[in-house]
Amino acid sequence: MLPRPEPGLVIRYSYLWRREHLEGRQEGLKDRPCAIVAAIRAGPAGDTRVLVLPITHTAPDAETPAIEIPLAVKSRLGLDTARSWVVLSEWNEFIWPGPDLRPVPGGDPASVAYGMLPPRLFVEIRDALLQLIEASAAKPVPRT
């Protein structure tokens, strides 16, 4: 059984980077942890639209806004010990559950969630993203 999509939940997802989308790709090249930043119930069918931010090991350059995930948080989520960042400059948007959810390594086939971000870290990520959206410095990548 899939979890309910909640802001702060870290899921495994086939993230489609904006550059891949602009190249015409429909599918992400790599499954990765992603943080849900919004889950919006909409439409007559009660669909839930989800916005996710990618988590990457690649250190951000000066032009890529990102927030590093503390090692203690990564450990609690069951992620590896390499440094990781939540990228804030783009997000994927899809209807939950969507075809791009993936099982967490080592979990059962229905397990797509690593766990929740600590509230303080989630608020920092959410607020930084909202500032970037307001400044038109973050872009959506719509998914099916």
N, C-alpha and C. Protein backbone atom coordinates (compact mmCIF):
# COMPACT_ATOMS: atom_id res chain seq x y z
N MET A 1 0.85 -1.19 0.00
CA MET A 1 0.00 0.00 0.00
C MET A 1 0.89 1.24 0.00
N LEU A 2 0.61 2.17 -0.89
CA LEU A 2 1.41 3.37 -1.01
C LEU A 2 1.09 4.35 0.12
N PRO A 3 2.09 5.12 0.55
CA PRO A 3 1.83 6.13 1.58
C PRO A 3 1.02 7.29 1.00
N ARG A 4 0.40 8.03 1.87
CA ARG A 4 -0.27 9.26 1.47
C ARG A 4 0.81 10.30 1.17
N PRO A 5 0.71 11.03 0.08
CA PRO A 5 1.74 12.04 -0.21
C PRO A 5 1.60 13.22 0.75
N GLU A 6 2.64 13.47 1.51
CA GLU A 6 2.62 14.56 2.48
C GLU A 6 3.86 15.43 2.30
N PRO A 7 3.72 16.73 2.44
CA PRO A 7 4.90 17.58 2.39
C PRO A 7 5.93 17.13 3.44
N GLY A 8 7.17 16.99 2.98
CA GLY A 8 8.25 16.54 3.85
C GLY A 8 8.59 15.07 3.66
N LEU A 9 7.72 14.31 2.98
CA LEU A 9 7.99 12.90 2.75
C LEU A 9 9.06 12.77 1.66
N VAL A 10 10.06 11.94 1.90
CA VAL A 10 11.09 11.67 0.91
C VAL A 10 10.74 10.35 0.23
N ILE A 11 10.60 10.42 -1.10
CA ILE A 11 10.20 9.26 -1.89
C ILE A 11 11.30 8.90 -2.89
N ARG A 12 11.21 7.70 -3.45
CA ARG A 12 12.09 7.31 -4.56
C ARG A 12 11.28 7.53 -5.84
N TYR A 13 11.90 8.22 -6.81
CA TYR A 13 11.16 8.71 -7.96
C TYR A 13 12.10 8.83 -9.15
N SER A 14 11.59 8.58 -10.33
CA SER A 14 12.37 8.77 -11.56
C SER A 14 12.27 10.24 -11.94
N TYR A 15 13.18 11.03 -11.39
CA TYR A 15 13.12 12.49 -11.56
C TYR A 15 13.57 12.88 -12.96
N LEU A 16 12.82 13.74 -13.61
CA LEU A 16 13.15 14.26 -14.93
C LEU A 16 13.70 15.68 -14.75
N TRP A 17 15.01 15.83 -14.97
CA TRP A 17 15.63 17.16 -14.86
C TRP A 17 15.10 18.07 -15.96
N ARG A 18 15.06 19.34 -15.69
CA ARG A 18 14.57 20.33 -16.66
C ARG A 18 15.35 20.23 -17.98
N ARG A 19 16.66 20.06 -17.91
CA ARG A 19 17.47 19.96 -19.13
C ARG A 19 17.06 18.73 -19.95
N GLU A 20 16.71 17.63 -19.27
CA GLU A 20 16.25 16.43 -19.97
C GLU A 20 14.88 16.68 -20.61
N HIS A 21 14.02 17.37 -19.90
CA HIS A 21 12.69 17.72 -20.41
C HIS A 21 12.82 18.59 -21.67
N LEU A 22 13.72 19.57 -21.63
CA LEU A 22 13.91 20.46 -22.77
C LEU A 22 14.52 19.72 -23.97
N GLU A 23 15.21 18.62 -23.72
CA GLU A 23 15.74 17.77 -24.80
C GLU A 23 14.65 16.87 -25.38
N GLY A 24 13.46 16.87 -24.79
CA GLY A 24 12.35 16.07 -25.29
C GLY A 24 12.17 14.74 -24.59
N ARG A 25 12.93 14.48 -23.54
CA ARG A 25 12.78 13.22 -22.80
C ARG A 25 11.47 13.23 -22.02
N GLN A 26 10.90 12.05 -21.86
CA GLN A 26 9.68 11.87 -21.08
C GLN A 26 9.95 11.19 -19.74
N GLU A 27 11.09 10.51 -19.66
CA GLU A 27 11.43 9.69 -18.48
C GLU A 27 12.78 10.15 -17.94
N GLY A 28 12.89 10.19 -16.61
CA GLY A 28 14.17 10.51 -15.99
C GLY A 28 15.18 9.41 -16.24
N LEU A 29 16.45 9.75 -16.22
CA LEU A 29 17.51 8.78 -16.46
C LEU A 29 17.89 8.00 -15.22
N LYS A 30 17.51 8.51 -14.05
CA LYS A 30 17.94 7.88 -12.81
C LYS A 30 16.85 8.00 -11.75
N ASP A 31 16.63 6.92 -11.02
CA ASP A 31 15.73 6.97 -9.87
C ASP A 31 16.52 7.57 -8.72
N ARG A 32 15.88 8.44 -7.96
CA ARG A 32 16.58 9.13 -6.87
C ARG A 32 15.61 9.50 -5.76
N PRO A 33 16.14 9.77 -4.58
CA PRO A 33 15.29 10.32 -3.54
C PRO A 33 14.83 11.73 -3.95
N CYS A 34 13.60 12.03 -3.64
CA CYS A 34 13.03 13.36 -3.90
C CYS A 34 12.16 13.74 -2.70
N ALA A 35 12.13 15.02 -2.41
CA ALA A 35 11.34 15.51 -1.28
C ALA A 35 10.03 16.11 -1.79
N ILE A 36 8.92 15.65 -1.25
CA ILE A 36 7.62 16.25 -1.57
C ILE A 36 7.55 17.59 -0.85
N VAL A 37 7.29 18.67 -1.63
CA VAL A 37 7.14 19.99 -1.00
C VAL A 37 5.70 20.46 -0.98
N ALA A 38 4.85 19.84 -1.80
CA ALA A 38 3.43 20.20 -1.78
C ALA A 38 2.62 19.02 -2.28
N ALA A 39 1.45 18.85 -1.72
CA ALA A 39 0.47 17.86 -2.17
C ALA A 39 -0.87 18.58 -2.18
N ILE A 40 -1.37 18.83 -3.38
CA ILE A 40 -2.55 19.68 -3.55
C ILE A 40 -3.69 18.84 -4.11
N ARG A 41 -4.77 18.73 -3.35
CA ARG A 41 -5.95 18.00 -3.82
C ARG A 41 -6.74 18.93 -4.72
N ALA A 42 -7.02 18.45 -5.94
CA ALA A 42 -7.70 19.30 -6.91
C ALA A 42 -8.52 18.45 -7.87
N GLY A 43 -9.33 19.12 -8.62
CA GLY A 43 -10.09 18.44 -9.66
C GLY A 43 -11.31 17.75 -9.11
N PRO A 44 -12.27 17.47 -9.98
CA PRO A 44 -13.51 16.82 -9.56
C PRO A 44 -13.31 15.40 -9.06
N ALA A 45 -12.26 14.74 -9.54
CA ALA A 45 -11.99 13.36 -9.11
C ALA A 45 -11.21 13.32 -7.80
N GLY A 46 -10.83 14.49 -7.29
CA GLY A 46 -10.06 14.54 -6.05
C GLY A 46 -8.61 14.12 -6.22
N ASP A 47 -8.08 14.27 -7.45
CA ASP A 47 -6.68 13.94 -7.70
C ASP A 47 -5.77 14.79 -6.81
N THR A 48 -4.62 14.23 -6.47
CA THR A 48 -3.64 14.96 -5.68
C THR A 48 -2.44 15.26 -6.57
N ARG A 49 -2.19 16.54 -6.77
CA ARG A 49 -1.03 17.00 -7.54
C ARG A 49 0.12 17.15 -6.56
N VAL A 50 1.27 16.55 -6.90
CA VAL A 50 2.43 16.52 -6.01
C VAL A 50 3.59 17.25 -6.67
N LEU A 51 4.30 18.05 -5.88
CA LEU A 51 5.51 18.73 -6.34
C LEU A 51 6.68 18.14 -5.57
N VAL A 52 7.71 17.68 -6.31
CA VAL A 52 8.88 17.08 -5.68
C VAL A 52 10.16 17.78 -6.12
N LEU A 53 11.08 17.88 -5.18
CA LEU A 53 12.41 18.42 -5.44
C LEU A 53 13.41 17.28 -5.45
N PRO A 54 14.39 17.33 -6.37
CA PRO A 54 15.37 16.25 -6.44
C PRO A 54 16.43 16.36 -5.35
N ILE A 55 16.92 15.20 -4.93
CA ILE A 55 18.05 15.12 -4.00
C ILE A 55 19.21 14.51 -4.78
N THR A 56 20.37 15.16 -4.72
CA THR A 56 21.50 14.74 -5.52
C THR A 56 22.80 14.76 -4.72
N HIS A 57 23.75 13.92 -5.16
CA HIS A 57 25.09 13.93 -4.58
C HIS A 57 25.95 15.02 -5.20
N THR A 58 25.56 15.53 -6.36
CA THR A 58 26.36 16.53 -7.07
C THR A 58 26.29 17.86 -6.33
N ALA A 59 27.46 18.34 -5.93
CA ALA A 59 27.51 19.63 -5.22
C ALA A 59 27.00 20.73 -6.14
N PRO A 60 26.17 21.61 -5.63
CA PRO A 60 25.62 22.67 -6.48
C PRO A 60 26.70 23.69 -6.85
N ASP A 61 26.57 24.25 -8.06
CA ASP A 61 27.47 25.34 -8.44
C ASP A 61 26.88 26.64 -7.88
N ALA A 62 27.57 27.72 -8.12
CA ALA A 62 27.16 29.02 -7.56
C ALA A 62 25.78 29.47 -8.04
N GLU A 63 25.35 28.98 -9.20
CA GLU A 63 24.06 29.41 -9.76
C GLU A 63 22.90 28.47 -9.42
N THR A 64 23.19 27.38 -8.73
CA THR A 64 22.14 26.41 -8.41
C THR A 64 21.81 26.45 -6.92
N PRO A 65 20.67 27.03 -6.57
CA PRO A 65 20.30 27.06 -5.16
C PRO A 65 19.97 25.65 -4.66
N ALA A 66 20.52 25.32 -3.50
CA ALA A 66 20.32 24.00 -2.93
C ALA A 66 20.55 24.06 -1.42
N ILE A 67 20.00 23.11 -0.72
CA ILE A 67 20.18 23.00 0.73
C ILE A 67 20.74 21.62 1.02
N GLU A 68 21.84 21.59 1.75
CA GLU A 68 22.47 20.31 2.10
C GLU A 68 21.65 19.59 3.16
N ILE A 69 21.56 18.28 3.01
CA ILE A 69 20.86 17.45 3.99
C ILE A 69 21.89 16.98 5.02
N PRO A 70 21.68 17.27 6.29
CA PRO A 70 22.62 16.81 7.31
C PRO A 70 22.77 15.29 7.32
N LEU A 71 23.97 14.83 7.62
CA LEU A 71 24.26 13.40 7.62
C LEU A 71 23.34 12.64 8.58
N ALA A 72 23.02 13.22 9.73
CA ALA A 72 22.13 12.55 10.68
C ALA A 72 20.75 12.31 10.07
N VAL A 73 20.26 13.25 9.27
CA VAL A 73 18.96 13.10 8.61
C VAL A 73 19.06 12.01 7.56
N LYS A 74 20.13 12.02 6.77
CA LYS A 74 20.32 10.99 5.75
C LYS A 74 20.34 9.60 6.39
N SER A 75 21.03 9.49 7.51
CA SER A 75 21.13 8.21 8.21
C SER A 75 19.76 7.74 8.67
N ARG A 76 18.97 8.65 9.25
CA ARG A 76 17.64 8.28 9.73
C ARG A 76 16.71 7.86 8.59
N LEU A 77 16.92 8.44 7.39
CA LEU A 77 16.11 8.08 6.23
C LEU A 77 16.59 6.80 5.55
N GLY A 78 17.77 6.32 5.95
CA GLY A 78 18.32 5.11 5.33
C GLY A 78 19.06 5.40 4.04
N LEU A 79 19.49 6.65 3.85
CA LEU A 79 20.25 7.02 2.66
C LEU A 79 21.74 6.80 2.92
N ASP A 80 22.55 6.89 1.88
CA ASP A 80 23.99 6.66 2.03
C ASP A 80 24.66 7.80 2.80
N THR A 81 25.97 7.68 3.01
CA THR A 81 26.69 8.65 3.83
C THR A 81 27.37 9.75 3.00
N ALA A 82 27.23 9.72 1.68
CA ALA A 82 27.80 10.78 0.84
C ALA A 82 27.01 12.07 1.03
N ARG A 83 27.67 13.20 0.87
CA ARG A 83 26.96 14.48 0.98
C ARG A 83 25.87 14.57 -0.09
N SER A 84 24.74 15.17 0.28
CA SER A 84 23.61 15.32 -0.65
C SER A 84 22.94 16.66 -0.44
N TRP A 85 22.33 17.15 -1.53
CA TRP A 85 21.64 18.44 -1.51
C TRP A 85 20.25 18.30 -2.11
N VAL A 86 19.32 19.09 -1.60
CA VAL A 86 18.00 19.25 -2.21
C VAL A 86 18.12 20.43 -3.15
N VAL A 87 17.91 20.19 -4.44
CA VAL A 87 18.01 21.24 -5.46
C VAL A 87 16.70 22.03 -5.46
N LEU A 88 16.82 23.36 -5.46
CA LEU A 88 15.64 24.22 -5.34
C LEU A 88 15.26 24.94 -6.63
N SER A 89 16.05 24.82 -7.67
CA SER A 89 15.84 25.61 -8.89
C SER A 89 14.78 25.02 -9.82
N GLU A 90 14.33 23.79 -9.55
CA GLU A 90 13.33 23.15 -10.40
C GLU A 90 12.60 22.08 -9.60
N TRP A 91 11.45 21.69 -10.11
CA TRP A 91 10.70 20.62 -9.46
C TRP A 91 9.90 19.86 -10.50
N ASN A 92 9.57 18.60 -10.18
CA ASN A 92 8.65 17.81 -11.00
C ASN A 92 7.28 17.91 -10.37
N GLU A 93 6.28 17.92 -11.23
CA GLU A 93 4.89 18.03 -10.79
C GLU A 93 4.11 16.91 -11.46
N PHE A 94 3.38 16.10 -10.66
CA PHE A 94 2.65 14.97 -11.22
C PHE A 94 1.43 14.65 -10.36
N ILE A 95 0.52 13.86 -10.93
CA ILE A 95 -0.65 13.39 -10.20
C ILE A 95 -0.26 12.11 -9.46
N TRP A 96 -0.48 12.09 -8.15
CA TRP A 96 -0.13 10.94 -7.30
C TRP A 96 -1.08 9.78 -7.60
N PRO A 97 -0.60 8.55 -7.73
CA PRO A 97 0.78 8.16 -7.50
C PRO A 97 1.67 8.29 -8.73
N GLY A 98 1.14 8.23 -9.90
CA GLY A 98 1.94 8.40 -11.11
C GLY A 98 2.82 7.18 -11.39
N PRO A 99 3.27 7.06 -12.64
CA PRO A 99 4.03 5.88 -13.04
C PRO A 99 5.52 5.93 -12.67
N ASP A 100 6.00 7.03 -12.14
CA ASP A 100 7.44 7.20 -11.94
C ASP A 100 7.91 6.95 -10.50
N LEU A 101 7.01 6.52 -9.62
CA LEU A 101 7.43 6.12 -8.28
C LEU A 101 8.20 4.82 -8.38
N ARG A 102 9.20 4.66 -7.53
CA ARG A 102 10.03 3.45 -7.55
C ARG A 102 10.16 2.90 -6.13
N PRO A 103 10.30 1.57 -6.00
CA PRO A 103 10.52 1.00 -4.66
C PRO A 103 11.87 1.45 -4.09
N VAL A 104 11.89 1.67 -2.80
CA VAL A 104 13.13 2.00 -2.10
C VAL A 104 14.03 0.75 -2.14
N PRO A 105 15.33 0.92 -2.44
CA PRO A 105 16.21 -0.26 -2.46
C PRO A 105 16.13 -1.03 -1.13
N GLY A 106 15.96 -2.32 -1.26
CA GLY A 106 15.86 -3.16 -0.07
C GLY A 106 14.48 -3.23 0.53
N GLY A 107 13.54 -2.44 0.01
CA GLY A 107 12.19 -2.44 0.54
C GLY A 107 11.28 -3.33 -0.28
N ASP A 108 10.05 -3.50 0.16
CA ASP A 108 9.12 -4.29 -0.62
C ASP A 108 8.64 -3.48 -1.82
N PRO A 109 8.03 -4.11 -2.81
CA PRO A 109 7.65 -3.41 -4.04
C PRO A 109 6.74 -2.20 -3.83
N ALA A 110 5.98 -2.17 -2.75
CA ALA A 110 5.08 -1.04 -2.50
C ALA A 110 5.76 0.08 -1.72
N SER A 111 6.98 -0.16 -1.26
CA SER A 111 7.67 0.83 -0.43
C SER A 111 8.37 1.86 -1.30
N VAL A 112 7.78 3.03 -1.42
CA VAL A 112 8.36 4.10 -2.22
C VAL A 112 8.89 5.24 -1.35
N ALA A 113 8.73 5.14 -0.03
CA ALA A 113 9.08 6.23 0.87
C ALA A 113 10.24 5.86 1.79
N TYR A 114 11.15 6.81 1.94
CA TYR A 114 12.26 6.66 2.89
C TYR A 114 11.84 7.12 4.29
N GLY A 115 10.99 8.14 4.34
CA GLY A 115 10.57 8.70 5.61
C GLY A 115 10.38 10.21 5.48
N MET A 116 10.19 10.86 6.62
CA MET A 116 9.90 12.29 6.65
C MET A 116 11.16 13.10 6.97
N LEU A 117 11.27 14.26 6.33
CA LEU A 117 12.29 15.23 6.72
C LEU A 117 11.92 15.82 8.07
N PRO A 118 12.90 16.20 8.87
CA PRO A 118 12.57 16.89 10.12
C PRO A 118 11.82 18.19 9.80
N PRO A 119 10.84 18.56 10.61
CA PRO A 119 10.04 19.76 10.32
C PRO A 119 10.87 21.02 10.07
N ARG A 120 11.89 21.25 10.85
CA ARG A 120 12.69 22.47 10.68
C ARG A 120 13.38 22.49 9.31
N LEU A 121 13.94 21.35 8.90
CA LEU A 121 14.60 21.28 7.59
C LEU A 121 13.58 21.43 6.48
N PHE A 122 12.41 20.81 6.62
CA PHE A 122 11.38 20.95 5.60
C PHE A 122 10.96 22.41 5.44
N VAL A 123 10.75 23.11 6.54
CA VAL A 123 10.34 24.52 6.48
C VAL A 123 11.42 25.35 5.80
N GLU A 124 12.69 25.09 6.09
CA GLU A 124 13.78 25.81 5.44
C GLU A 124 13.74 25.59 3.92
N ILE A 125 13.54 24.35 3.50
CA ILE A 125 13.47 24.01 2.07
C ILE A 125 12.26 24.67 1.43
N ARG A 126 11.10 24.51 2.05
CA ARG A 126 9.86 25.09 1.50
C ARG A 126 9.95 26.60 1.35
N ASP A 127 10.43 27.26 2.41
CA ASP A 127 10.50 28.73 2.37
C ASP A 127 11.49 29.22 1.32
N ALA A 128 12.63 28.53 1.18
CA ALA A 128 13.61 28.91 0.17
C ALA A 128 13.03 28.72 -1.23
N LEU A 129 12.29 27.63 -1.43
CA LEU A 129 11.67 27.40 -2.73
C LEU A 129 10.64 28.48 -3.04
N LEU A 130 9.81 28.82 -2.07
CA LEU A 130 8.80 29.86 -2.30
C LEU A 130 9.44 31.20 -2.68
N GLN A 131 10.55 31.54 -2.06
CA GLN A 131 11.26 32.77 -2.41
C GLN A 131 11.77 32.72 -3.85
N LEU A 132 12.29 31.57 -4.25
CA LEU A 132 12.78 31.42 -5.63
C LEU A 132 11.64 31.48 -6.64
N ILE A 133 10.50 30.87 -6.31
CA ILE A 133 9.35 30.92 -7.20
C ILE A 133 8.88 32.37 -7.34
N GLU A 134 8.82 33.08 -6.24
CA GLU A 134 8.40 34.49 -6.27
C GLU A 134 9.33 35.32 -7.14
N ALA A 135 10.61 34.98 -7.15
CA ALA A 135 11.61 35.70 -7.94
C ALA A 135 11.74 35.13 -9.35
N SER A 136 10.88 34.18 -9.72
CA SER A 136 10.93 33.49 -11.01
C SER A 136 12.28 32.82 -11.25
N ALA A 137 12.88 32.30 -10.18
CA ALA A 137 14.18 31.64 -10.27
C ALA A 137 14.09 30.13 -10.11
N ALA A 138 12.88 29.60 -10.08
CA ALA A 138 12.67 28.14 -10.01
C ALA A 138 11.59 27.80 -11.03
N LYS A 139 11.76 26.66 -11.70
CA LYS A 139 10.86 26.30 -12.81
C LYS A 139 10.27 24.90 -12.62
N PRO A 140 9.00 24.73 -13.00
CA PRO A 140 8.38 23.40 -12.92
C PRO A 140 8.74 22.56 -14.14
N VAL A 141 8.72 21.26 -13.92
CA VAL A 141 8.84 20.28 -15.01
C VAL A 141 7.58 19.41 -14.90
N PRO A 142 6.57 19.66 -15.75
CA PRO A 142 5.33 18.88 -15.63
C PRO A 142 5.57 17.44 -16.08
N ARG A 143 4.92 16.51 -15.38
CA ARG A 143 5.02 15.08 -15.70
C ARG A 143 3.63 14.54 -15.89
N THR A 144 3.54 13.34 -16.43
CA THR A 144 2.24 12.70 -16.62
C THR A 144 1.78 12.10 -15.32
